[in-house]
Amino acid sequence: MKTSEKPSLLSLRRYSLWAALLLVFSCSPDTVLNTEEPLEAANAKSKNAVLKTLVKGAPLNGANGVDIGPDGNLYIASVYGQEIIVMDKNSGKIIDRITEGVQSPDDLVFGPDGSLYWTDIITGEVGRRTPDGIVTKQAFLPGVNPIAFNDEGRLFIALDFLGDGLYEFDPDLIDTPRTIIECPTGFCLGFFNSFDFGPDGLLYGPLFALGQVIKVNVETGDFEIVASGFVNPAAAKFGPDGLLTVLDQTGEVFKIDVTTGEKTLFTTLEPGLDNMVFDEDGSLYMTNNDEGWVAEILPSGKARILSPGGQIMPQGLAVLAGPNNKDVVFTADIYNIREFNGTSGRQTEQYKGFLIPPPGVFSLPLSNGISAAGSDLIISSFLSSTVQVWNPTDGVTEDFGTQVEAPMDAVRINTGEVIVSDLVLGGVVRMSDNSLVAPLVVASGMATDGETVWAADWATGDIVQINFGGGSPTTEVVFSGLSFPEGMAVDNQGRLLVYETKGPSPAGVSRLSRIDLSTGERTTIVDGLEPLQGSLPIFPPQWFMDDVAVGPSGDIYISGGESQTIQKITANKVR
């Protein structure tokens, strides 16, 4: 059997270390909210609302595996949405969202009896939902991803990204899976992704990390290369023409004659392509994870969009001054840094991050946090375990990937030093000497005026103030009793803005608060916000962190992860 060398990966490491963090917030008492303070309440859902939707994102939090059900509808897996979407394949109308037993679905398929099967890639479970709605699951290994039946009704699943290898499963999800290709070190195959059985009974699919398409004898585990020269091929399916259609995350779609290995470019679409399925009539449906769209690919190669794309998980926000000192808004959207006009909301630029960078490319990470530092942006990524200093013109100028573990946010102070809030490292860490300067139970958002840093503790509801003006940093808790605080910013009057969320507590709230640091008074600027809710055992307890940022104009920008929006409060609306 041929083997593969391990590629250079952006690390998706240390997930297991985060599992211990669950004990912190699942066993902690509910946060006690301070209700004795005077409030200026402005309800986001009232007719006097101060919020304006500046950017509306995709309806889906990313679109992954796809299949056509016995009812003729599309069934679409969404890892970060933690759901399976049922969609009319003609109109794109969302008919249902399946969430029972669904944790992190990356791929799915219907079995011979009409049961829906899916793979929860992060939790390592395989799920089954029978036609009468009974859900059963089998625990296996993190990384379960591509899933397919052969003509005999046998079920096959491979591991990707969090593992590697190929297995045959019992369709009843009872018996122990049979090992076909095992990778004891976690990598030996190359991340065998969404695959399909050919007319010869062999299993054809792409090796995501190696840029190859292979065919596998599922009885012996022997395999050989069919085609190569791809970047990150993610799916391979046979069409009615007998050719193997292969999509690359670059946006390229190829047709391969598996008898000769001849490869022909069929069409080029947006980067981020994830999966596809052919209907019985030969129609081709495709998903894009990075953009969240679902489309029918016409014979001409053009995409007929069924469900539109856009930002899928707006998280960290930062604002720079653009031409005429107009606000330019940047958001961390996992696979992209997106740039928007702060007045119109129009997307003006898009900068790609990679799960696995193409060979020779030093890319942006999978981003979750972002903050402004002069003309630079500081990007943090717990998914890629890195912090980078990046400039839209000059690219990445500094990388702290060897010094951090699970960074949630990062800022730069006047000395030029980068300060990071890191879940696994236990709080606020300075990058100059890797010292822990402020322990936090659950590290969360940060803000700075250049000399002082404020850091939120998501678990305790505390705001810790760290002064870097002298020799050794000094710390003190300047506010307590907030509800699971996430993103923070300093407004143009030097007051602290804090995005409070519901978290797991029934007493939690969803509001933007302002803290006058000179008096300690907290004021509600707006409530009824829509932060993204979700959880997984090996993810940060915040799931994904919502944020707030202030522009040179004084306007306030808020991410709404639940609705995939960026919202805006103009300066003249804030009292």
Protein backbone atom coordinates (compact mmCIF):
# COMPACT_ATOMS: atom_id res chain seq x y z
CA MET A 1 0.00 0.00 0.00
CA LYS A 2 1.30 3.45 -0.82
CA THR A 3 1.77 5.89 2.02
CA SER A 4 1.91 9.67 2.21
CA GLU A 5 4.16 12.19 3.90
CA LYS A 6 2.55 14.54 6.39
CA PRO A 7 2.15 18.08 4.98
CA SER A 8 2.86 21.31 6.79
CA LEU A 9 -0.45 22.14 8.49
CA LEU A 10 -1.88 25.13 10.25
CA SER A 11 -2.28 23.42 13.59
CA LEU A 12 -5.71 22.31 14.73
CA ARG A 13 -3.99 21.04 17.82
CA ARG A 14 -4.74 20.96 21.51
CA TYR A 15 -8.51 20.54 21.23
CA SER A 16 -8.40 18.04 24.07
CA LEU A 17 -6.97 20.66 26.43
CA TRP A 18 -10.11 22.75 26.06
CA ALA A 19 -12.33 19.95 27.30
CA ALA A 20 -11.22 20.68 30.85
CA LEU A 21 -12.56 24.20 30.47
CA LEU A 22 -16.10 22.86 30.36
CA LEU A 23 -15.80 21.97 34.02
CA VAL A 24 -15.20 25.64 34.71
CA PHE A 25 -18.48 26.99 33.44
CA SER A 26 -20.73 23.94 33.60
CA CYS A 27 -20.12 23.68 37.34
CA SER A 28 -19.94 27.39 38.12
CA PRO A 29 -22.83 29.22 39.80
CA ASP A 30 -24.92 31.48 37.61
CA THR A 31 -23.54 34.97 37.16
CA VAL A 32 -25.27 37.46 39.46
CA LEU A 33 -26.37 40.56 37.57
CA ASN A 34 -26.19 43.99 39.16
CA THR A 35 -29.67 45.49 38.83
CA GLU A 36 -29.21 48.44 41.19
CA GLU A 37 -27.58 50.75 38.63
CA PRO A 38 -29.39 53.46 36.65
CA LEU A 39 -29.93 52.34 33.05
CA GLU A 40 -30.58 54.10 29.79
CA ALA A 41 -32.52 51.28 28.16
CA ALA A 42 -32.92 51.31 24.40
CA ASN A 43 -34.51 48.07 23.25
CA ALA A 44 -33.18 46.80 19.92
CA LYS A 45 -36.60 45.38 19.06
CA SER A 46 -38.61 48.52 19.85
CA LYS A 47 -39.61 51.15 17.30
CA ASN A 48 -37.09 53.46 18.99
CA ALA A 49 -34.27 51.02 18.34
CA VAL A 50 -30.82 52.49 17.88
CA LEU A 51 -29.55 49.48 15.92
CA LYS A 52 -29.25 49.43 12.16
CA THR A 53 -28.33 46.28 10.23
CA LEU A 54 -25.25 47.28 8.24
CA VAL A 55 -24.31 43.87 6.79
CA LYS A 56 -26.55 40.86 6.31
CA GLY A 57 -24.75 37.56 5.89
CA ALA A 58 -25.58 34.14 4.47
CA PRO A 59 -28.64 32.28 5.78
CA LEU A 60 -26.38 29.32 6.69
CA ASN A 61 -23.37 29.19 9.04
CA GLY A 62 -21.45 27.43 6.29
CA ALA A 63 -22.62 24.62 3.99
CA ASN A 64 -20.86 21.25 4.02
CA GLY A 65 -22.05 17.76 3.04
CA VAL A 66 -25.12 17.48 0.83
CA ASP A 67 -27.42 14.71 -0.34
CA ILE A 68 -30.89 14.37 -1.84
CA GLY A 69 -33.47 12.76 0.39
CA PRO A 70 -36.26 10.35 -0.53
CA ASP A 71 -38.57 13.39 -0.43
CA GLY A 72 -36.58 15.03 -3.24
CA ASN A 73 -35.22 17.81 -1.02
CA LEU A 74 -31.61 18.76 -0.42
CA TYR A 75 -30.20 17.88 2.99
CA ILE A 76 -27.21 20.05 3.90
CA ALA A 77 -24.84 19.59 6.83
CA SER A 78 -23.46 22.64 8.63
CA VAL A 79 -20.61 22.01 11.08
CA TYR A 80 -20.64 25.45 12.69
CA GLY A 81 -24.40 25.80 12.45
CA GLN A 82 -24.73 22.49 14.36
CA GLU A 83 -27.68 21.55 12.17
CA ILE A 84 -28.83 19.75 9.04
CA ILE A 85 -30.83 22.01 6.74
CA VAL A 86 -33.66 20.67 4.58
CA MET A 87 -33.97 22.81 1.44
CA ASP A 88 -36.22 22.83 -1.61
CA LYS A 89 -33.82 22.13 -4.48
CA ASN A 90 -35.80 24.30 -6.89
CA SER A 91 -36.56 27.40 -4.87
CA GLY A 92 -33.88 27.28 -2.17
CA LYS A 93 -36.54 27.68 0.51
CA ILE A 94 -35.47 26.30 3.89
CA ILE A 95 -38.10 23.75 4.88
CA ASP A 96 -36.64 22.47 8.14
CA ARG A 97 -33.57 22.58 10.38
CA ILE A 98 -32.72 19.26 12.04
CA THR A 99 -30.92 19.64 15.35
CA GLU A 100 -31.85 16.58 17.44
CA GLY A 101 -28.65 14.66 18.12
CA VAL A 102 -26.76 16.83 15.63
CA GLN A 103 -23.50 18.27 16.99
CA SER A 104 -21.03 19.09 14.21
CA PRO A 105 -22.27 17.49 10.96
CA ASP A 106 -19.70 17.59 8.18
CA ASP A 107 -21.05 15.02 5.74
CA LEU A 108 -24.26 13.06 5.31
CA VAL A 109 -25.87 10.37 3.19
CA PHE A 110 -29.14 8.51 2.93
CA GLY A 111 -29.05 4.75 3.42
CA PRO A 112 -30.92 2.11 1.42
CA ASP A 113 -33.80 2.12 3.95
CA GLY A 114 -34.22 5.90 3.73
CA SER A 115 -32.41 6.62 7.00
CA LEU A 116 -30.32 9.78 7.19
CA TYR A 117 -26.72 9.24 8.33
CA TRP A 118 -24.27 11.99 9.27
CA THR A 119 -20.78 12.40 10.74
CA ASP A 120 -20.17 14.76 13.66
CA ILE A 121 -16.55 15.58 12.85
CA ILE A 122 -15.63 17.34 16.09
CA THR A 123 -17.31 15.05 18.61
CA GLY A 124 -16.37 11.93 16.63
CA GLU A 125 -19.87 10.47 16.48
CA VAL A 126 -21.87 8.96 13.62
CA GLY A 127 -25.60 9.60 13.68
CA ARG A 128 -28.60 7.90 12.14
CA ARG A 129 -32.17 9.21 11.84
CA THR A 130 -34.69 6.65 10.63
CA PRO A 131 -37.63 7.60 8.39
CA ASP A 132 -39.88 7.61 11.48
CA GLY A 133 -37.55 10.03 13.30
CA ILE A 134 -35.68 7.73 15.71
CA VAL A 135 -32.12 8.99 16.30
CA THR A 136 -29.24 6.70 17.30
CA LYS A 137 -25.54 7.48 17.50
CA GLN A 138 -22.24 5.60 17.67
CA ALA A 139 -19.17 7.16 19.26
CA PHE A 140 -15.96 6.64 17.30
CA LEU A 141 -13.06 9.06 16.81
CA PRO A 142 -12.82 12.84 16.24
CA GLY A 143 -12.46 13.57 12.54
CA VAL A 144 -15.24 11.34 11.18
CA ASN A 145 -16.09 13.02 7.91
CA PRO A 146 -16.82 11.50 4.47
CA ILE A 147 -19.57 8.89 4.46
CA ALA A 148 -20.92 6.72 1.65
CA PHE A 149 -22.77 3.47 0.94
CA ASN A 150 -21.77 1.09 -1.80
CA ASP A 151 -24.27 -0.77 -4.00
CA GLU A 152 -24.37 -3.63 -1.49
CA GLY A 153 -25.57 -1.34 1.30
CA ARG A 154 -22.23 -1.35 3.15
CA LEU A 155 -21.28 1.85 4.97
CA PHE A 156 -17.83 3.50 4.76
CA ILE A 157 -16.42 6.46 6.68
CA ALA A 158 -13.00 8.15 6.75
CA LEU A 159 -11.27 10.47 9.22
CA ASP A 160 -10.09 13.96 8.31
CA PHE A 161 -8.13 16.77 9.97
CA LEU A 162 -8.54 15.49 13.55
CA GLY A 163 -7.51 12.01 12.47
CA ASP A 164 -6.79 9.96 9.35
CA GLY A 165 -7.82 6.56 8.04
CA LEU A 166 -10.68 4.59 6.45
CA TYR A 167 -13.26 2.30 8.11
CA GLU A 168 -16.34 0.22 7.39
CA PHE A 169 -19.26 0.78 9.78
CA ASP A 170 -22.23 -1.34 10.73
CA PRO A 171 -25.30 0.45 9.22
CA ASP A 172 -27.10 -0.24 12.51
CA LEU A 173 -24.28 1.60 14.33
CA ILE A 174 -23.82 -1.28 16.78
CA ASP A 175 -20.82 -3.41 15.79
CA THR A 176 -17.25 -2.14 16.12
CA PRO A 177 -16.08 -0.56 12.82
CA ARG A 178 -13.75 -2.61 10.63
CA THR A 179 -10.39 -0.96 9.99
CA ILE A 180 -9.42 -0.67 6.34
CA ILE A 181 -6.59 1.88 6.59
CA GLU A 182 -5.37 2.86 10.05
CA CYS A 183 -3.04 5.74 10.86
CA PRO A 184 -1.64 5.20 14.38
CA THR A 185 0.26 8.50 14.30
CA GLY A 186 -2.82 10.45 13.22
CA PHE A 187 -1.64 10.92 9.63
CA CYS A 188 -0.69 8.47 6.88
CA LEU A 189 -3.30 8.70 4.16
CA GLY A 190 -3.66 12.43 3.50
CA PHE A 191 -7.22 13.18 4.73
CA PHE A 192 -9.45 11.13 2.43
CA ASN A 193 -12.41 13.43 1.88
CA SER A 194 -15.89 13.17 0.37
CA PHE A 195 -15.88 10.08 -1.83
CA ASP A 196 -17.97 7.92 -4.15
CA PHE A 197 -17.96 4.35 -5.40
CA GLY A 198 -17.19 3.82 -9.05
CA PRO A 199 -18.74 1.27 -11.41
CA ASP A 200 -15.73 -0.97 -10.74
CA GLY A 201 -16.61 -1.21 -7.04
CA LEU A 202 -13.59 0.84 -5.94
CA LEU A 203 -13.87 3.88 -3.69
CA TYR A 204 -12.76 7.13 -5.38
CA GLY A 205 -12.00 10.29 -3.46
CA PRO A 206 -9.60 13.17 -2.86
CA LEU A 207 -6.66 13.42 -0.48
CA PHE A 208 -7.28 16.95 0.82
CA ALA A 209 -3.78 17.51 2.20
CA LEU A 210 -1.83 16.07 -0.74
CA GLY A 211 -3.74 17.39 -3.75
CA GLN A 212 -4.46 13.95 -5.16
CA VAL A 213 -7.41 11.76 -6.10
CA ILE A 214 -7.09 8.06 -5.32
CA LYS A 215 -9.06 4.85 -5.69
CA VAL A 216 -9.20 2.34 -2.84
CA ASN A 217 -9.95 -1.36 -2.69
CA VAL A 218 -12.11 -1.43 0.45
CA GLU A 219 -11.44 -5.15 0.98
CA THR A 220 -7.65 -4.88 1.14
CA GLY A 221 -6.98 -1.18 1.80
CA ASP A 222 -4.67 -0.98 -1.23
CA PHE A 223 -4.92 2.28 -3.14
CA GLU A 224 -3.37 4.11 -6.05
CA ILE A 225 -3.33 7.63 -7.41
CA VAL A 226 -5.84 8.44 -10.16
CA ALA A 227 -4.99 12.13 -10.66
CA SER A 228 -2.87 14.80 -8.99
CA GLY A 229 -2.03 18.49 -9.19
CA PHE A 230 -4.91 19.78 -7.07
CA VAL A 231 -4.53 22.20 -4.16
CA ASN A 232 -7.12 21.13 -1.56
CA PRO A 233 -9.54 18.75 -3.31
CA ALA A 234 -12.57 18.25 -1.07
CA ALA A 235 -15.05 16.01 -2.89
CA ALA A 236 -15.31 13.56 -5.79
CA LYS A 237 -18.56 12.21 -7.24
CA PHE A 238 -19.42 10.25 -10.39
CA GLY A 239 -21.83 11.96 -12.78
CA PRO A 240 -24.19 10.49 -15.35
CA ASP A 241 -21.49 11.01 -18.00
CA GLY A 242 -19.35 8.39 -16.26
CA LEU A 243 -16.68 10.96 -15.42
CA LEU A 244 -15.52 11.71 -11.89
CA THR A 245 -16.28 15.30 -10.92
CA VAL A 246 -13.76 16.71 -8.43
CA LEU A 247 -14.06 20.04 -6.67
CA ASP A 248 -11.08 21.88 -5.24
CA GLN A 249 -11.43 24.43 -2.44
CA THR A 250 -9.74 26.90 -4.77
CA GLY A 251 -13.09 27.10 -6.57
CA GLU A 252 -12.04 24.93 -9.49
CA VAL A 253 -14.19 21.99 -10.60
CA PHE A 254 -12.66 19.24 -12.74
CA LYS A 255 -13.84 16.25 -14.73
CA ILE A 256 -11.62 13.16 -14.65
CA ASP A 257 -11.65 10.13 -16.91
CA VAL A 258 -10.66 7.50 -14.33
CA THR A 259 -9.55 5.04 -17.01
CA THR A 260 -6.93 7.41 -18.42
CA GLY A 261 -6.43 9.93 -15.60
CA GLU A 262 -7.16 12.78 -18.00
CA LYS A 263 -8.20 15.89 -16.08
CA THR A 264 -10.29 18.69 -17.60
CA LEU A 265 -11.29 21.96 -15.97
CA PHE A 266 -15.09 22.18 -16.00
CA THR A 267 -15.68 25.52 -14.26
CA THR A 268 -14.26 27.95 -11.73
CA LEU A 269 -16.41 29.24 -8.90
CA GLU A 270 -15.73 31.01 -5.59
CA PRO A 271 -13.07 29.53 -3.28
CA GLY A 272 -14.36 27.45 -0.41
CA LEU A 273 -16.16 24.70 -2.34
CA ASP A 274 -17.02 21.85 -0.01
CA ASN A 275 -19.29 19.12 -1.38
CA MET A 276 -21.75 18.11 -4.11
CA VAL A 277 -24.38 15.59 -5.18
CA PHE A 278 -25.84 14.51 -8.52
CA ASP A 279 -29.61 14.09 -8.77
CA GLU A 280 -31.12 11.16 -10.65
CA ASP A 281 -31.74 13.43 -13.64
CA GLY A 282 -28.07 14.47 -13.72
CA SER A 283 -28.52 17.86 -12.03
CA LEU A 284 -25.50 18.85 -9.94
CA TYR A 285 -25.88 20.60 -6.57
CA MET A 286 -22.92 22.07 -4.74
CA THR A 287 -22.09 23.71 -1.39
CA ASN A 288 -19.56 26.34 -0.41
CA ASN A 289 -18.45 26.24 3.21
CA ASP A 290 -16.50 29.51 3.35
CA GLU A 291 -19.35 31.54 1.82
CA GLY A 292 -22.29 29.41 2.97
CA TRP A 293 -24.03 29.23 -0.39
CA VAL A 294 -25.89 26.34 -1.99
CA ALA A 295 -26.23 26.21 -5.76
CA GLU A 296 -27.23 24.14 -8.75
CA ILE A 297 -24.33 23.96 -11.21
CA LEU A 298 -25.74 24.19 -14.72
CA PRO A 299 -24.27 22.24 -17.67
CA SER A 300 -22.60 25.49 -18.75
CA GLY A 301 -20.67 25.55 -15.47
CA LYS A 302 -22.53 28.58 -14.14
CA ALA A 303 -24.00 28.49 -10.65
CA ARG A 304 -27.71 29.02 -10.08
CA ILE A 305 -27.72 30.18 -6.49
CA LEU A 306 -30.39 28.57 -4.35
CA SER A 307 -29.30 29.96 -0.98
CA PRO A 308 -27.03 33.04 -1.12
CA GLY A 309 -23.60 33.33 0.41
CA GLY A 310 -21.84 35.95 2.49
CA GLN A 311 -20.36 36.12 5.95
CA ILE A 312 -21.12 32.92 7.83
CA MET A 313 -19.81 33.55 11.37
CA PRO A 314 -19.08 37.25 12.03
CA GLN A 315 -17.02 37.42 15.20
CA GLY A 316 -14.20 39.85 15.93
CA LEU A 317 -14.60 43.42 14.65
CA ALA A 318 -12.09 46.20 14.03
CA VAL A 319 -12.41 49.62 12.40
CA LEU A 320 -9.74 51.61 10.57
CA ALA A 321 -9.93 55.10 9.11
CA GLY A 322 -10.42 55.04 5.35
CA PRO A 323 -10.48 57.81 2.73
CA ASN A 324 -11.96 61.06 4.10
CA ASN A 325 -11.65 59.48 7.55
CA LYS A 326 -14.64 57.24 6.82
CA ASP A 327 -14.96 54.04 8.82
CA VAL A 328 -13.67 50.85 7.21
CA VAL A 329 -14.96 47.81 9.08
CA PHE A 330 -13.16 44.46 9.23
CA THR A 331 -14.68 41.26 10.55
CA ALA A 332 -13.15 37.89 11.39
CA ASP A 333 -15.31 35.35 9.56
CA ILE A 334 -13.35 32.10 10.12
CA TYR A 335 -12.16 31.49 6.55
CA ASN A 336 -12.07 35.15 5.54
CA ILE A 337 -11.24 38.58 6.82
CA ARG A 338 -13.96 40.71 5.26
CA GLU A 339 -13.73 44.45 4.69
CA PHE A 340 -16.85 46.62 4.56
CA ASN A 341 -17.72 50.24 3.90
CA GLY A 342 -18.86 51.53 7.29
CA THR A 343 -21.50 53.75 5.70
CA SER A 344 -23.10 51.55 3.06
CA GLY A 345 -22.22 48.09 4.38
CA ARG A 346 -20.90 47.11 0.95
CA GLN A 347 -18.13 44.50 1.04
CA THR A 348 -15.07 46.08 -0.54
CA GLU A 349 -12.38 43.42 -0.01
CA GLN A 350 -12.01 39.84 1.12
CA TYR A 351 -8.82 38.20 2.42
CA LYS A 352 -8.64 34.41 2.48
CA GLY A 353 -7.56 32.25 5.39
CA PHE A 354 -6.80 28.56 4.94
CA LEU A 355 -7.44 25.44 6.95
CA ILE A 356 -4.37 23.99 5.26
CA PRO A 357 -2.34 26.56 3.30
CA PRO A 358 -1.35 25.73 -0.29
CA PRO A 359 2.32 24.74 -0.60
CA GLY A 360 4.62 27.72 -0.20
CA VAL A 361 1.84 30.05 0.94
CA PHE A 362 2.07 31.80 4.33
CA SER A 363 -1.62 32.49 4.77
CA LEU A 364 -3.99 34.10 7.18
CA PRO A 365 -5.33 31.72 9.82
CA LEU A 366 -8.92 30.70 10.46
CA SER A 367 -9.78 33.92 12.25
CA ASN A 368 -12.01 34.54 15.26
CA GLY A 369 -10.63 37.73 16.86
CA ILE A 370 -9.44 40.98 15.29
CA SER A 371 -8.43 44.37 16.68
CA ALA A 372 -7.10 47.61 15.23
CA ALA A 373 -3.53 48.78 15.94
CA GLY A 374 -2.71 51.91 13.94
CA SER A 375 -2.92 50.82 10.30
CA ASP A 376 -2.43 47.17 11.28
CA LEU A 377 -4.85 44.51 12.46
CA ILE A 378 -4.12 41.92 15.14
CA ILE A 379 -5.73 38.58 14.24
CA SER A 380 -6.27 35.84 16.80
CA SER A 381 -7.32 32.27 16.07
CA PHE A 382 -8.07 29.53 18.56
CA LEU A 383 -8.81 27.27 15.57
CA SER A 384 -5.31 27.70 14.13
CA SER A 385 -3.55 28.36 17.46
CA THR A 386 -1.93 31.57 16.32
CA VAL A 387 -1.88 35.35 16.62
CA GLN A 388 -0.75 37.41 13.62
CA VAL A 389 -0.08 41.08 12.99
CA TRP A 390 -1.46 41.78 9.54
CA ASN A 391 -1.76 44.76 7.25
CA PRO A 392 -4.22 44.78 4.32
CA THR A 393 -1.43 46.16 2.11
CA ASP A 394 1.71 44.49 3.46
CA GLY A 395 0.25 41.17 4.60
CA VAL A 396 1.42 39.29 7.69
CA THR A 397 4.33 41.05 9.41
CA GLU A 398 4.50 39.15 12.71
CA ASP A 399 3.39 35.70 13.79
CA PHE A 400 3.13 34.43 17.39
CA GLY A 401 1.96 30.93 16.56
CA THR A 402 4.66 29.25 18.66
CA GLN A 403 3.78 31.28 21.77
CA VAL A 404 0.02 30.84 22.04
CA GLU A 405 -2.36 27.92 22.48
CA ALA A 406 -6.01 28.99 22.16
CA PRO A 407 -6.07 32.78 21.76
CA MET A 408 -9.49 34.44 21.97
CA ASP A 409 -8.39 38.07 21.46
CA ALA A 410 -5.24 40.16 21.14
CA VAL A 411 -4.36 43.87 21.23
CA ARG A 412 -1.25 46.03 20.79
CA ILE A 413 -0.25 48.69 23.33
CA ASN A 414 1.78 51.87 22.78
CA THR A 415 5.11 50.15 23.41
CA GLY A 416 4.44 47.98 20.36
CA GLU A 417 3.94 44.90 22.50
CA VAL A 418 1.17 42.42 21.67
CA ILE A 419 -1.01 41.27 24.57
CA VAL A 420 -3.09 38.09 24.20
CA SER A 421 -6.05 36.61 26.07
CA ASP A 422 -5.58 32.84 25.83
CA LEU A 423 -7.91 30.09 27.09
CA VAL A 424 -5.31 27.36 27.60
CA LEU A 425 -2.53 29.63 28.87
CA GLY A 426 -4.90 30.78 31.60
CA GLY A 427 -5.54 34.45 30.92
CA VAL A 428 -3.72 37.54 29.66
CA VAL A 429 -0.20 36.91 28.39
CA ARG A 430 2.38 39.40 27.12
CA MET A 431 4.23 38.19 24.02
CA SER A 432 7.57 39.89 24.84
CA ASP A 433 8.37 37.38 27.59
CA ASN A 434 5.39 34.97 27.55
CA SER A 435 4.51 35.97 31.11
CA LEU A 436 1.01 35.53 32.48
CA VAL A 437 0.02 38.98 33.74
CA ALA A 438 -3.66 38.44 34.60
CA PRO A 439 -5.11 34.99 35.36
CA LEU A 440 -8.66 34.47 34.09
CA VAL A 441 -11.00 31.55 34.65
CA VAL A 442 -12.20 31.70 31.03
CA ALA A 443 -10.31 34.18 28.84
CA SER A 444 -12.57 36.32 26.67
CA GLY A 445 -12.51 39.72 24.92
CA MET A 446 -10.05 42.58 25.39
CA ALA A 447 -9.82 46.34 24.80
CA THR A 448 -7.06 48.93 25.13
CA ASP A 449 -6.46 52.68 24.98
CA GLY A 450 -2.79 52.02 24.23
CA GLU A 451 -1.52 52.11 27.80
CA THR A 452 -4.17 50.24 29.78
CA VAL A 453 -5.69 46.89 28.80
CA TRP A 454 -9.07 45.63 29.94
CA ALA A 455 -9.74 41.89 29.83
CA ALA A 456 -13.06 40.11 30.34
CA ASP A 457 -13.49 36.88 32.27
CA TRP A 458 -16.41 35.07 30.65
CA ALA A 459 -16.97 32.70 33.58
CA THR A 460 -16.90 35.19 36.47
CA GLY A 461 -18.29 38.29 34.76
CA ASP A 462 -15.29 40.35 35.93
CA ILE A 463 -13.44 43.03 34.00
CA VAL A 464 -9.74 43.12 34.88
CA GLN A 465 -7.77 46.31 34.30
CA ILE A 466 -4.06 45.91 33.52
CA ASN A 467 -1.80 48.96 33.63
CA PHE A 468 1.39 48.82 31.56
CA GLY A 469 2.49 52.40 32.24
CA GLY A 470 5.31 51.63 34.66
CA GLY A 471 7.66 48.71 35.20
CA SER A 472 5.77 45.57 36.07
CA PRO A 473 2.11 45.47 35.00
CA THR A 474 -0.44 46.01 37.76
CA THR A 475 -3.91 44.47 37.75
CA GLU A 476 -7.22 45.07 39.48
CA VAL A 477 -10.85 44.04 39.00
CA VAL A 478 -12.68 47.25 38.05
CA PHE A 479 -16.15 45.79 37.44
CA SER A 480 -18.00 42.61 38.41
CA GLY A 481 -21.36 40.99 37.85
CA LEU A 482 -21.52 41.15 34.05
CA SER A 483 -23.30 38.42 32.12
CA PHE A 484 -20.78 36.25 30.26
CA PRO A 485 -18.89 39.20 28.69
CA GLU A 486 -17.31 38.69 25.29
CA GLY A 487 -16.14 41.51 22.98
CA MET A 488 -15.06 44.90 24.35
CA ALA A 489 -14.01 48.30 23.01
CA VAL A 490 -13.08 51.77 24.27
CA ASP A 491 -15.33 54.50 22.87
CA ASN A 492 -14.17 57.96 21.81
CA GLN A 493 -14.93 59.34 25.29
CA GLY A 494 -12.73 56.75 27.00
CA ARG A 495 -15.60 54.63 28.29
CA LEU A 496 -15.60 50.84 28.10
CA LEU A 497 -18.16 49.04 25.94
CA VAL A 498 -18.90 45.42 26.81
CA TYR A 499 -20.92 42.86 24.84
CA GLU A 500 -22.79 40.79 27.44
CA THR A 501 -24.30 37.45 26.42
CA LYS A 502 -26.70 34.86 27.77
CA GLY A 503 -24.15 32.08 28.03
CA PRO A 504 -25.54 28.85 29.54
CA SER A 505 -27.37 30.68 32.34
CA PRO A 506 -31.15 31.29 32.28
CA ALA A 507 -30.38 34.57 34.08
CA GLY A 508 -28.07 35.73 31.29
CA VAL A 509 -28.79 38.75 29.11
CA SER A 510 -27.85 39.91 25.60
CA ARG A 511 -26.94 43.58 25.66
CA LEU A 512 -24.29 46.17 24.96
CA SER A 513 -23.22 47.89 28.16
CA ARG A 514 -21.14 51.01 28.72
CA ILE A 515 -18.98 51.36 31.84
CA ASP A 516 -17.81 54.77 33.01
CA LEU A 517 -14.47 53.80 34.51
CA SER A 518 -14.23 56.99 36.56
CA THR A 519 -17.52 56.37 38.39
CA GLY A 520 -18.07 52.64 37.96
CA GLU A 521 -21.54 53.25 36.53
CA ARG A 522 -22.87 50.74 34.00
CA THR A 523 -25.38 51.86 31.38
CA THR A 524 -27.29 49.75 28.88
CA ILE A 525 -26.84 51.16 25.40
CA VAL A 526 -28.98 48.52 23.69
CA ASP A 527 -30.45 45.18 24.64
CA GLY A 528 -32.10 42.34 22.76
CA LEU A 529 -28.91 41.50 20.87
CA GLU A 530 -28.46 38.17 19.07
CA PRO A 531 -25.09 36.62 19.96
CA LEU A 532 -24.38 33.21 18.52
CA GLN A 533 -25.39 30.37 20.80
CA GLY A 534 -23.85 26.91 20.69
CA SER A 535 -21.43 24.55 22.37
CA LEU A 536 -19.18 21.57 21.80
CA PRO A 537 -17.17 19.61 24.35
CA ILE A 538 -13.80 20.52 22.87
CA PHE A 539 -14.54 24.12 21.84
CA PRO A 540 -14.24 27.30 23.91
CA PRO A 541 -17.24 27.69 26.23
CA GLN A 542 -18.16 30.88 24.37
CA TRP A 543 -18.55 28.74 21.22
CA PHE A 544 -17.74 31.68 18.90
CA MET A 545 -17.26 35.13 20.39
CA ASP A 546 -19.35 38.15 19.40
CA ASP A 547 -17.67 41.55 19.43
CA VAL A 548 -18.04 45.33 19.48
CA ALA A 549 -15.80 47.99 17.89
CA VAL A 550 -15.79 51.78 17.66
CA GLY A 551 -14.78 53.70 14.54
CA PRO A 552 -12.98 57.05 14.21
CA SER A 553 -16.44 58.49 13.54
CA GLY A 554 -17.60 57.38 16.99
CA ASP A 555 -20.06 54.95 15.41
CA ILE A 556 -20.38 51.59 17.19
CA TYR A 557 -20.37 48.27 15.31
CA ILE A 558 -21.69 45.01 16.78
CA SER A 559 -21.50 41.47 15.43
CA GLY A 560 -24.69 39.43 15.54
CA GLY A 561 -23.51 35.86 15.19
CA GLU A 562 -26.98 34.34 15.49
CA SER A 563 -28.30 36.30 12.50
CA GLN A 564 -24.95 36.51 10.61
CA THR A 565 -25.14 40.32 10.69
CA ILE A 566 -23.05 43.34 11.55
CA GLN A 567 -25.14 46.00 13.25
CA LYS A 568 -24.37 49.66 13.72
CA ILE A 569 -25.22 52.38 16.23
CA THR A 570 -24.42 55.86 14.94
CA ALA A 571 -22.66 58.19 17.33
CA ASN A 572 -25.61 60.60 17.51
CA LYS A 573 -27.86 57.75 18.71
CA VAL A 574 -25.75 57.06 21.80
CA ARG A 575 -26.53 59.21 24.82
